[in-house]
Amino acid sequence: MHSPMEQFEIKRLLDLRIGSLDASYTNSALWMTIAVILATLLFVYGMRQRALVPGRLQAVAELGYEFVAGMVRDNVGSAGKKYFPFILTLFVFILFCNTLGLVPYSFTPTSHIIVTFSMAIVVFVGVTIIGFARHGLHFLEFFVPKGVPAWLLVILVPIEVISYFVRPFSLSIRLFANMLAGHTMLKVFGGFVVMLGILAGWAPLAFIVALTGLELIIAFLQAYVFTILTCLYLNDAIHMSH
C-alpha cells in the first residue's frame, strides 16, 4: 500500500533553471494555476450578464463577494474598502486550493508550509507597512498596552512584540496543519477500504464519505479563519486597536 504522505510529494512537470535558481513548474504550481483560472472564470463568466435575477454562477459569485465585503466591513470598517480586492483574492484563492485538493488524483497546495507561509508573510509585511505608512513611528505605540503601570511594561512590551512577529507562523501553520492532517486521514482510511474490500470495508468507506463532507467544511473554515485574521491584523494597523 502506498504511503499516505506520497500525495504531498512535489513533482517537477517542467524543469526550469535560472542560473542556480530552481524555477521548475511543479504539480503544486499547476494546481495553484488551476485554482486561479477557475476562480477567475467564476467571477468573470458568472458576472458577465449582471442579470437582475441571477443565475447559479452569478449567485455564487455575488454570495462570495458579499460574504467577504461583509467580513471587511465588520472587522475593518470603511477604511478597509481599498484593501477589499486583496482580501477577496486571498479568500477565494485559499478556498479553491483547499477544495480542489479533495478531487481524486489532485494536489493540495495549501498542504505545504511554504505556500501558506508565503501568503502569511505577504499579509504580515503588508500590514506592517500600512501601519507605519498611516501612523509613522507612532505605530510602535501598538506594542505598549494602555493603562498599564510602567513597571509592567518591561514584561508586557516584549510579549506584545513576540506575539506580533509570531503572527505569520500561526497563520501559516494553522492552515497547513489542517490540510495535511485531513488529507492524510482520508488516504489512510482509503487504504483500509482497498485492503478489506467493499464488503468488509463498508465501515471505513462510510467514514470516508463523512470525513470528506467534514473536510469540505474545514476547507471553507480555514479559508475564512485565514481571511478574518488578516482583516483583524489590518484593523490593528489602521486603527491601532488590540
C-alpha atoms as a PDB file:
ATOM      1  CA  MET A   1       0.000   0.000   0.000  1.00  0.00           C
ATOM      2  CA  HIS A   2       1.268   3.470  -0.836  1.00  0.00           C
ATOM      3  CA  SER A   3       2.282   5.755   1.971  1.00  0.00           C
ATOM      4  CA  PRO A   4      -0.394   8.348   2.840  1.00  0.00           C
ATOM      5  CA  MET A   5       2.339  11.004   2.631  1.00  0.00           C
ATOM      6  CA  GLU A   6       3.063  10.331  -1.064  1.00  0.00           C
ATOM      7  CA  GLN A   7       0.152  12.566  -2.054  1.00  0.00           C
ATOM      8  CA  PHE A   8       2.113  15.592  -0.761  1.00  0.00           C
ATOM      9  CA  GLU A   9       5.219  14.911  -2.860  1.00  0.00           C
ATOM     10  CA  ILE A  10       6.306  17.812  -5.055  1.00  0.00           C
ATOM     11  CA  LYS A  11       6.935  16.647  -8.632  1.00  0.00           C
ATOM     12  CA  ARG A  12       8.572  18.599 -11.440  1.00  0.00           C
ATOM     13  CA  LEU A  13       6.393  18.882 -14.517  1.00  0.00           C
ATOM     14  CA  LEU A  14       8.648  21.299 -16.369  1.00  0.00           C
ATOM     15  CA  ASP A  15      12.310  21.525 -15.443  1.00  0.00           C
ATOM     16  CA  LEU A  16      13.403  25.155 -15.491  1.00  0.00           C
ATOM     17  CA  ARG A  17      16.532  26.685 -14.003  1.00  0.00           C
ATOM     18  CA  ILE A  18      17.597  30.322 -13.958  1.00  0.00           C
ATOM     19  CA  GLY A  19      21.264  30.216 -13.059  1.00  0.00           C
ATOM     20  CA  SER A  20      21.442  28.438  -9.704  1.00  0.00           C
ATOM     21  CA  LEU A  21      17.732  29.057  -9.041  1.00  0.00           C
ATOM     22  CA  ASP A  22      15.383  26.118  -9.483  1.00  0.00           C
ATOM     23  CA  ALA A  23      12.241  27.660 -11.023  1.00  0.00           C
ATOM     24  CA  SER A  24      10.699  24.379 -12.197  1.00  0.00           C
ATOM     25  CA  TYR A  25       6.950  24.202 -12.809  1.00  0.00           C
ATOM     26  CA  THR A  26       5.609  21.624 -10.354  1.00  0.00           C
ATOM     27  CA  ASN A  27       2.350  19.848  -9.611  1.00  0.00           C
ATOM     28  CA  SER A  28       1.808  22.364  -6.804  1.00  0.00           C
ATOM     29  CA  ALA A  29       2.192  25.280  -9.236  1.00  0.00           C
ATOM     30  CA  LEU A  30      -0.156  23.525 -11.679  1.00  0.00           C
ATOM     31  CA  TRP A  31      -2.976  23.222  -9.160  1.00  0.00           C
ATOM     32  CA  MET A  32      -2.469  26.780  -7.964  1.00  0.00           C
ATOM     33  CA  THR A  33      -2.779  27.840 -11.604  1.00  0.00           C
ATOM     34  CA  ILE A  34      -5.982  25.809 -11.950  1.00  0.00           C
ATOM     35  CA  ALA A  35      -7.342  27.433  -8.783  1.00  0.00           C
ATOM     36  CA  VAL A  36      -6.636  30.913 -10.172  1.00  0.00           C
ATOM     37  CA  ILE A  37      -8.205  30.081 -13.551  1.00  0.00           C
ATOM     38  CA  LEU A  38     -11.364  28.593 -12.009  1.00  0.00           C
ATOM     39  CA  ALA A  39     -11.759  31.495  -9.589  1.00  0.00           C
ATOM     40  CA  THR A  40     -11.301  33.992 -12.424  1.00  0.00           C
ATOM     41  CA  LEU A  41     -13.830  32.173 -14.590  1.00  0.00           C
ATOM     42  CA  LEU A  42     -16.327  32.124 -11.724  1.00  0.00           C
ATOM     43  CA  PHE A  43     -16.300  35.895 -11.314  1.00  0.00           C
ATOM     44  CA  VAL A  44     -15.764  36.913 -14.935  1.00  0.00           C
ATOM     45  CA  TYR A  45     -18.131  34.424 -16.571  1.00  0.00           C
ATOM     46  CA  GLY A  46     -20.614  34.465 -13.684  1.00  0.00           C
ATOM     47  CA  MET A  47     -20.949  38.258 -13.693  1.00  0.00           C
ATOM     48  CA  ARG A  48     -20.852  38.844 -17.456  1.00  0.00           C
ATOM     49  CA  GLN A  49     -24.631  39.347 -17.786  1.00  0.00           C
ATOM     50  CA  ARG A  50     -25.244  41.147 -14.463  1.00  0.00           C
ATOM     51  CA  ALA A  51     -28.799  39.898 -14.505  1.00  0.00           C
ATOM     52  CA  LEU A  52     -31.371  41.304 -12.088  1.00  0.00           C
ATOM     53  CA  VAL A  53     -32.417  37.719 -11.369  1.00  0.00           C
ATOM     54  CA  PRO A  54     -29.030  35.982 -11.087  1.00  0.00           C
ATOM     55  CA  GLY A  55     -28.288  32.547 -12.444  1.00  0.00           C
ATOM     56  CA  ARG A  56     -26.373  29.945 -10.451  1.00  0.00           C
ATOM     57  CA  LEU A  57     -22.877  31.170 -11.253  1.00  0.00           C
ATOM     58  CA  GLN A  58     -23.796  34.808 -10.727  1.00  0.00           C
ATOM     59  CA  ALA A  59     -25.475  33.923  -7.420  1.00  0.00           C
ATOM     60  CA  VAL A  60     -22.350  32.109  -6.214  1.00  0.00           C
ATOM     61  CA  ALA A  61     -20.103  34.988  -7.312  1.00  0.00           C
ATOM     62  CA  GLU A  62     -22.336  37.569  -5.637  1.00  0.00           C
ATOM     63  CA  LEU A  63     -22.560  35.466  -2.475  1.00  0.00           C
ATOM     64  CA  GLY A  64     -18.764  35.234  -2.247  1.00  0.00           C
ATOM     65  CA  TYR A  65     -18.399  38.946  -2.947  1.00  0.00           C
ATOM     66  CA  GLU A  66     -20.944  39.964  -0.310  1.00  0.00           C
ATOM     67  CA  PHE A  67     -19.577  37.499   2.233  1.00  0.00           C
ATOM     68  CA  VAL A  68     -16.054  38.925   2.049  1.00  0.00           C
ATOM     69  CA  ALA A  69     -17.340  42.511   1.784  1.00  0.00           C
ATOM     70  CA  GLY A  70     -19.307  41.982   4.997  1.00  0.00           C
ATOM     71  CA  MET A  71     -16.234  40.500   6.655  1.00  0.00           C
ATOM     72  CA  VAL A  72     -14.145  43.537   5.755  1.00  0.00           C
ATOM     73  CA  ARG A  73     -16.895  45.978   6.721  1.00  0.00           C
ATOM     74  CA  ASP A  74     -17.493  44.374  10.129  1.00  0.00           C
ATOM     75  CA  ASN A  75     -13.845  43.918  11.088  1.00  0.00           C
ATOM     76  CA  VAL A  76     -12.026  46.828   9.452  1.00  0.00           C
ATOM     77  CA  GLY A  77     -14.711  49.431   8.784  1.00  0.00           C
ATOM     78  CA  SER A  78     -14.926  51.861   5.892  1.00  0.00           C
ATOM     79  CA  ALA A  79     -11.137  52.302   5.908  1.00  0.00           C
ATOM     80  CA  GLY A  80     -10.780  48.699   4.732  1.00  0.00           C
ATOM     81  CA  LYS A  81     -12.590  49.235   1.409  1.00  0.00           C
ATOM     82  CA  LYS A  82      -9.387  49.932  -0.513  1.00  0.00           C
ATOM     83  CA  TYR A  83      -7.945  46.598   0.642  1.00  0.00           C
ATOM     84  CA  PHE A  84     -11.063  44.602  -0.269  1.00  0.00           C
ATOM     85  CA  PRO A  85      -9.733  43.308  -3.653  1.00  0.00           C
ATOM     86  CA  PHE A  86      -6.695  41.766  -1.944  1.00  0.00           C
ATOM     87  CA  ILE A  87      -8.761  40.184   0.825  1.00  0.00           C
ATOM     88  CA  LEU A  88     -11.306  38.783  -1.648  1.00  0.00           C
ATOM     89  CA  THR A  89      -8.489  37.353  -3.778  1.00  0.00           C
ATOM     90  CA  LEU A  90      -6.870  35.804  -0.710  1.00  0.00           C
ATOM     91  CA  PHE A  91     -10.101  34.168   0.450  1.00  0.00           C
ATOM     92  CA  VAL A  92     -11.091  32.803  -2.960  1.00  0.00           C
ATOM     93  CA  PHE A  93      -7.583  31.514  -3.733  1.00  0.00           C
ATOM     94  CA  ILE A  94      -7.282  29.641  -0.425  1.00  0.00           C
ATOM     95  CA  LEU A  95     -10.814  28.260  -0.728  1.00  0.00           C
ATOM     96  CA  PHE A  96     -10.235  26.934  -4.248  1.00  0.00           C
ATOM     97  CA  CYS A  97      -6.839  25.441  -3.330  1.00  0.00           C
ATOM     98  CA  ASN A  98      -8.383  23.724  -0.299  1.00  0.00           C
ATOM     99  CA  THR A  99     -11.406  22.306  -2.084  1.00  0.00           C
ATOM    100  CA  LEU A 100      -9.596  21.246  -5.264  1.00  0.00           C
ATOM    101  CA  GLY A 101      -7.393  19.077  -3.062  1.00  0.00           C
ATOM    102  CA  LEU A 102     -10.403  16.856  -2.393  1.00  0.00           C
ATOM    103  CA  VAL A 103     -10.665  15.926  -6.068  1.00  0.00           C
ATOM    104  CA  PRO A 104      -9.185  12.430  -6.676  1.00  0.00           C
ATOM    105  CA  TYR A 105      -5.630  12.457  -8.088  1.00  0.00           C
ATOM    106  CA  SER A 106      -5.328  16.190  -7.466  1.00  0.00           C
ATOM    107  CA  PHE A 107      -2.858  18.070  -5.285  1.00  0.00           C
ATOM    108  CA  THR A 108      -3.411  20.406  -2.342  1.00  0.00           C
ATOM    109  CA  PRO A 109      -1.010  23.377  -2.500  1.00  0.00           C
ATOM    110  CA  THR A 110      -2.102  24.581   0.941  1.00  0.00           C
ATOM    111  CA  SER A 111      -0.873  21.318   2.488  1.00  0.00           C
ATOM    112  CA  HIS A 112       2.683  22.679   2.107  1.00  0.00           C
ATOM    113  CA  ILE A 113       4.043  25.128   4.662  1.00  0.00           C
ATOM    114  CA  ILE A 114       5.991  27.070   2.021  1.00  0.00           C
ATOM    115  CA  VAL A 115       2.742  28.038   0.257  1.00  0.00           C
ATOM    116  CA  THR A 116       0.843  29.022   3.392  1.00  0.00           C
ATOM    117  CA  PHE A 117       3.853  30.827   4.867  1.00  0.00           C
ATOM    118  CA  SER A 118       4.353  32.788   1.644  1.00  0.00           C
ATOM    119  CA  MET A 119       0.790  34.093   1.890  1.00  0.00           C
ATOM    120  CA  ALA A 120       1.136  34.761   5.615  1.00  0.00           C
ATOM    121  CA  ILE A 121       4.390  36.704   5.231  1.00  0.00           C
ATOM    122  CA  VAL A 122       2.836  38.851   2.478  1.00  0.00           C
ATOM    123  CA  VAL A 123      -0.027  39.675   4.863  1.00  0.00           C
ATOM    124  CA  PHE A 124       2.383  40.348   7.746  1.00  0.00           C
ATOM    125  CA  VAL A 125       4.723  42.601   5.773  1.00  0.00           C
ATOM    126  CA  GLY A 126       1.829  44.396   4.052  1.00  0.00           C
ATOM    127  CA  VAL A 127       0.005  45.092   7.310  1.00  0.00           C
ATOM    128  CA  THR A 128       3.213  46.324   8.946  1.00  0.00           C
ATOM    129  CA  ILE A 129       3.916  48.686   6.032  1.00  0.00           C
ATOM    130  CA  ILE A 130       0.350  50.019   6.222  1.00  0.00           C
ATOM    131  CA  GLY A 131       0.738  50.588   9.951  1.00  0.00           C
ATOM    132  CA  PHE A 132       3.927  52.637   9.562  1.00  0.00           C
ATOM    133  CA  ALA A 133       2.589  54.439   6.474  1.00  0.00           C
ATOM    134  CA  ARG A 134      -0.519  55.630   8.330  1.00  0.00           C
ATOM    135  CA  HIS A 135       0.976  56.342  11.749  1.00  0.00           C
ATOM    136  CA  GLY A 136       4.720  56.705  11.237  1.00  0.00           C
ATOM    137  CA  LEU A 137       6.791  55.842  14.290  1.00  0.00           C
ATOM    138  CA  HIS A 138       3.653  56.211  16.424  1.00  0.00           C
ATOM    139  CA  PHE A 139       2.781  52.713  15.189  1.00  0.00           C
ATOM    140  CA  LEU A 140       5.311  51.444  17.754  1.00  0.00           C
ATOM    141  CA  GLU A 141       2.809  52.511  20.420  1.00  0.00           C
ATOM    142  CA  PHE A 142       0.782  49.490  19.320  1.00  0.00           C
ATOM    143  CA  PHE A 143       3.175  47.360  21.359  1.00  0.00           C
ATOM    144  CA  VAL A 144       2.628  49.427  24.510  1.00  0.00           C
ATOM    145  CA  PRO A 145      -0.647  48.444  26.254  1.00  0.00           C
ATOM    146  CA  LYS A 146      -2.597  51.431  27.530  1.00  0.00           C
ATOM    147  CA  GLY A 147      -3.347  51.925  31.215  1.00  0.00           C
ATOM    148  CA  VAL A 148      -0.617  49.549  32.363  1.00  0.00           C
ATOM    149  CA  PRO A 149       1.809  50.503  35.166  1.00  0.00           C
ATOM    150  CA  ALA A 150       5.275  51.445  33.904  1.00  0.00           C
ATOM    151  CA  TRP A 151       6.977  48.615  35.776  1.00  0.00           C
ATOM    152  CA  LEU A 152       4.822  46.044  33.929  1.00  0.00           C
ATOM    153  CA  LEU A 153       5.810  47.388  30.509  1.00  0.00           C
ATOM    154  CA  VAL A 154       9.220  45.734  30.856  1.00  0.00           C
ATOM    155  CA  ILE A 155       7.393  42.398  30.728  1.00  0.00           C
ATOM    156  CA  LEU A 156       4.414  43.195  28.506  1.00  0.00           C
ATOM    157  CA  VAL A 157       6.156  45.047  25.661  1.00  0.00           C
ATOM    158  CA  PRO A 158       8.455  42.085  24.786  1.00  0.00           C
ATOM    159  CA  ILE A 159       5.414  39.790  24.941  1.00  0.00           C
ATOM    160  CA  GLU A 160       3.490  42.085  22.567  1.00  0.00           C
ATOM    161  CA  VAL A 161       6.444  42.232  20.156  1.00  0.00           C
ATOM    162  CA  ILE A 162       6.891  38.452  20.183  1.00  0.00           C
ATOM    163  CA  SER A 163       3.156  37.839  19.680  1.00  0.00           C
ATOM    164  CA  TYR A 164       3.187  40.258  16.731  1.00  0.00           C
ATOM    165  CA  PHE A 165       6.088  38.509  14.994  1.00  0.00           C
ATOM    166  CA  VAL A 166       4.535  35.097  15.639  1.00  0.00           C
ATOM    167  CA  ARG A 167       1.518  36.036  13.504  1.00  0.00           C
ATOM    168  CA  PRO A 168       2.820  34.756  10.134  1.00  0.00           C
ATOM    169  CA  PHE A 169       3.826  31.453  11.734  1.00  0.00           C
ATOM    170  CA  SER A 170       0.456  30.909  13.434  1.00  0.00           C
ATOM    171  CA  LEU A 171      -1.402  31.870  10.244  1.00  0.00           C
ATOM    172  CA  SER A 172       0.600  29.528   8.028  1.00  0.00           C
ATOM    173  CA  ILE A 173       0.857  26.562  10.416  1.00  0.00           C
ATOM    174  CA  ARG A 174      -2.879  26.534  11.187  1.00  0.00           C
ATOM    175  CA  LEU A 175      -3.844  26.264   7.506  1.00  0.00           C
ATOM    176  CA  PHE A 176      -1.043  23.887   6.551  1.00  0.00           C
ATOM    177  CA  ALA A 177      -1.604  21.531   9.512  1.00  0.00           C
ATOM    178  CA  ASN A 178      -5.354  21.243   8.955  1.00  0.00           C
ATOM    179  CA  MET A 179      -4.977  20.450   5.260  1.00  0.00           C
ATOM    180  CA  LEU A 180      -2.150  17.982   5.888  1.00  0.00           C
ATOM    181  CA  ALA A 181      -3.952  16.128   8.687  1.00  0.00           C
ATOM    182  CA  GLY A 182      -7.299  15.901   6.909  1.00  0.00           C
ATOM    183  CA  HIS A 183      -5.917  14.592   3.623  1.00  0.00           C
ATOM    184  CA  THR A 184      -3.673  12.119   5.442  1.00  0.00           C
ATOM    185  CA  MET A 185      -6.692  10.668   7.272  1.00  0.00           C
ATOM    186  CA  LEU A 186      -8.607  10.351   4.004  1.00  0.00           C
ATOM    187  CA  LYS A 187      -5.711   8.471   2.435  1.00  0.00           C
ATOM    188  CA  VAL A 188      -5.304   6.161   5.447  1.00  0.00           C
ATOM    189  CA  PHE A 189      -8.974   5.146   5.544  1.00  0.00           C
ATOM    190  CA  GLY A 190      -9.000   4.843   1.755  1.00  0.00           C
ATOM    191  CA  GLY A 191      -6.184   2.316   2.135  1.00  0.00           C
ATOM    192  CA  PHE A 192      -8.293   0.366   4.648  1.00  0.00           C
ATOM    193  CA  VAL A 193     -11.124   0.088   2.123  1.00  0.00           C
ATOM    194  CA  VAL A 194      -8.733  -1.261  -0.545  1.00  0.00           C
ATOM    195  CA  MET A 195      -7.210  -3.776   1.872  1.00  0.00           C
ATOM    196  CA  LEU A 196     -10.512  -5.034   3.315  1.00  0.00           C
ATOM    197  CA  GLY A 197     -12.572  -4.953   0.128  1.00  0.00           C
ATOM    198  CA  ILE A 198     -16.028  -3.451  -0.341  1.00  0.00           C
ATOM    199  CA  LEU A 199     -17.876  -5.995   1.816  1.00  0.00           C
ATOM    200  CA  ALA A 200     -15.557  -5.831   4.818  1.00  0.00           C
ATOM    201  CA  GLY A 201     -14.549  -2.247   4.239  1.00  0.00           C
ATOM    202  CA  TRP A 202     -18.011  -0.668   4.412  1.00  0.00           C
ATOM    203  CA  ALA A 203     -17.247   0.916   7.802  1.00  0.00           C
ATOM    204  CA  PRO A 204     -14.116   2.799   6.703  1.00  0.00           C
ATOM    205  CA  LEU A 205     -15.883   3.644   3.404  1.00  0.00           C
ATOM    206  CA  ALA A 206     -18.773   5.231   5.315  1.00  0.00           C
ATOM    207  CA  PHE A 207     -16.243   7.089   7.454  1.00  0.00           C
ATOM    208  CA  ILE A 208     -14.501   8.380   4.313  1.00  0.00           C
ATOM    209  CA  VAL A 209     -17.800   9.771   2.994  1.00  0.00           C
ATOM    210  CA  ALA A 210     -18.451  11.517   6.310  1.00  0.00           C
ATOM    211  CA  LEU A 211     -14.846  12.722   6.545  1.00  0.00           C
ATOM    212  CA  THR A 212     -14.992  14.135   3.013  1.00  0.00           C
ATOM    213  CA  GLY A 213     -18.014  16.206   4.000  1.00  0.00           C
ATOM    214  CA  LEU A 214     -16.163  17.362   7.095  1.00  0.00           C
ATOM    215  CA  GLU A 215     -13.120  18.246   5.007  1.00  0.00           C
ATOM    216  CA  LEU A 216     -15.280  20.410   2.746  1.00  0.00           C
ATOM    217  CA  ILE A 217     -16.446  22.325   5.808  1.00  0.00           C
ATOM    218  CA  ILE A 218     -12.868  22.599   7.098  1.00  0.00           C
ATOM    219  CA  ALA A 219     -11.676  23.815   3.679  1.00  0.00           C
ATOM    220  CA  PHE A 220     -14.145  26.704   3.919  1.00  0.00           C
ATOM    221  CA  LEU A 221     -13.480  27.376   7.605  1.00  0.00           C
ATOM    222  CA  GLN A 222      -9.716  27.532   7.131  1.00  0.00           C
ATOM    223  CA  ALA A 223     -10.098  30.000   4.255  1.00  0.00           C
ATOM    224  CA  TYR A 224     -12.452  32.014   6.472  1.00  0.00           C
ATOM    225  CA  VAL A 225     -10.129  31.937   9.502  1.00  0.00           C
ATOM    226  CA  PHE A 226      -7.080  32.968   7.448  1.00  0.00           C
ATOM    227  CA  THR A 227      -9.031  35.829   5.869  1.00  0.00           C
ATOM    228  CA  ILE A 228     -10.729  37.117   9.005  1.00  0.00           C
ATOM    229  CA  LEU A 229      -7.425  37.128  10.887  1.00  0.00           C
ATOM    230  CA  THR A 230      -5.993  39.153   8.011  1.00  0.00           C
ATOM    231  CA  CYS A 231      -8.867  41.606   8.491  1.00  0.00           C
ATOM    232  CA  LEU A 232      -8.178  41.814  12.218  1.00  0.00           C
ATOM    233  CA  TYR A 233      -4.474  42.433  11.630  1.00  0.00           C
ATOM    234  CA  LEU A 234      -5.384  45.091   9.089  1.00  0.00           C
ATOM    235  CA  ASN A 235      -7.717  46.696  11.612  1.00  0.00           C
ATOM    236  CA  ASP A 236      -4.863  46.785  14.131  1.00  0.00           C
ATOM    237  CA  ALA A 237      -2.627  48.548  11.615  1.00  0.00           C
ATOM    238  CA  ILE A 238      -5.240  51.097  10.601  1.00  0.00           C
ATOM    239  CA  HIS A 239      -6.848  51.861  13.954  1.00  0.00           C
ATOM    240  CA  MET A 240      -4.046  50.666  16.286  1.00  0.00           C
ATOM    241  CA  SER A 241      -6.551  48.753  18.398  1.00  0.00           C
ATOM    242  CA  HIS A 242      -5.942  45.411  20.069  1.00  0.00           C
END
